[in-house]
Amino acid sequence: MTRLLQAWDELVEQSSLLRLIDLHLRGAGQVMFQNNPLTGLLFLLGIFWGAIASGNPAIAVGAVVGLVVATVTAILLQSDEVSLRQGLFGFNGVLVGVAVPTFLVMNPATWFLLVVGAAVSTVAMLAVSQVTKLWGVPALTFPFVLTTWFLMLAAYSFGHLPVRGLGPPALPVPAAAAVSHLEPSAVFLLTAWIKGIAQVFLLNNLVTGVIFIAALLVSSIWAAAFAVAGSIVSVVVALMLGASAADIDAGLYSFSPVLTAIALGSVFFKPSWRVALFALLATVFTVIAQGALDAAVAPAGIPTFTAAFIFITWLFLLPKVNLEPHRHEPLKDGILTGK
């Protein structure tokens, strides 16, 4: 695999077109912190599979449009070349491109909204990074969340932005006590933790989850291991706390914990038993934060997206604990510039 990537890198250096394709593929891979074009390609394949299987191919088209628009915006703004080449201006755009067709009915107005949102996600990345660099932490997916919250809320004010899967806005109510007595089967547990990985891209599809695991494996065994572990832990914790069985089965309590586990377990710290315990604590708390944020945004009728991952990962990075950092290049303008 290493030789294949080396050969690809050599070809990329000889062609402007391939260089452009490469940075887009790396942008898709960076959704789960992987600076790897093959990972990005497999992520896009998983998105296409999940989108078509759900009967909503606009999700796949939106992912590509969002990726291209966000990346081209970064190029036009003459953003940092190192970050650009590693795809760090594309991943927020991919997520915007997936989110809009998931929650809104696509028509000319919503496609316009998607394009504007993807472009703004790059501006938001630059803006948020200016703040987070003061803390010594990366922006993560906060530019996506911030931008897409505005897009989703706007749908309630504009008649040409029909809602598909939002809301309705409602005050949170206590979960039914009966869900805590669920006795999950092995099939339930297996599908829930695999779908939890697929839901990083807002897709409720078992095959997509398997493709995403394979995509992580070709880049980093540690990343794949922590993604799987994070999803399993999230399912167990959500069941123990009595979360909705339907939401657990759909992976809705797992996508943020998956990202937290990857980030703290294999990206920002060098894997070790101490790091694994630290990531475990953060992963467990991310499930709790997911439930808290779901209740908090219910009156607004919008999803939390990856907000739980962002806030908890920041919380666990800011103390600058005495754990061995992973070998990355230093943060540049609040953006992680290594693999």
Foldseek 3Di string as FASTA:
>chain_A
DVVVQVVLVVVLVVDVVSLLLLLLLLLQQCLLDFLGSLLSVLLLVLQCVLCVVVVHNQLSVLLSLLQVLQLVLCVVVVHDPLCSSSSVRRNLSNLLSNPLSVWWPDDVVSVVLSSVLSSVLSVLLLVQLLVLVVLQAAPNNVSSQVSVVVVVLVLVVDPVTHTDDWAPFDADDDDDPVLLVDDDDPVLLLLLLLLLQVCSSPGQDNVSSVSSLVSVVVGDPQLSVQLSVLSNLQLVLCSNVRHDSVCSSSSVLRNLSSSLSSCQQPAFAPHDPVSNVLSSVLSSVLSVVLVVVCNVCSNSRHHSNNVSNSVSSCVSPSVVDPGHTDDFDGDDSNHTSGD
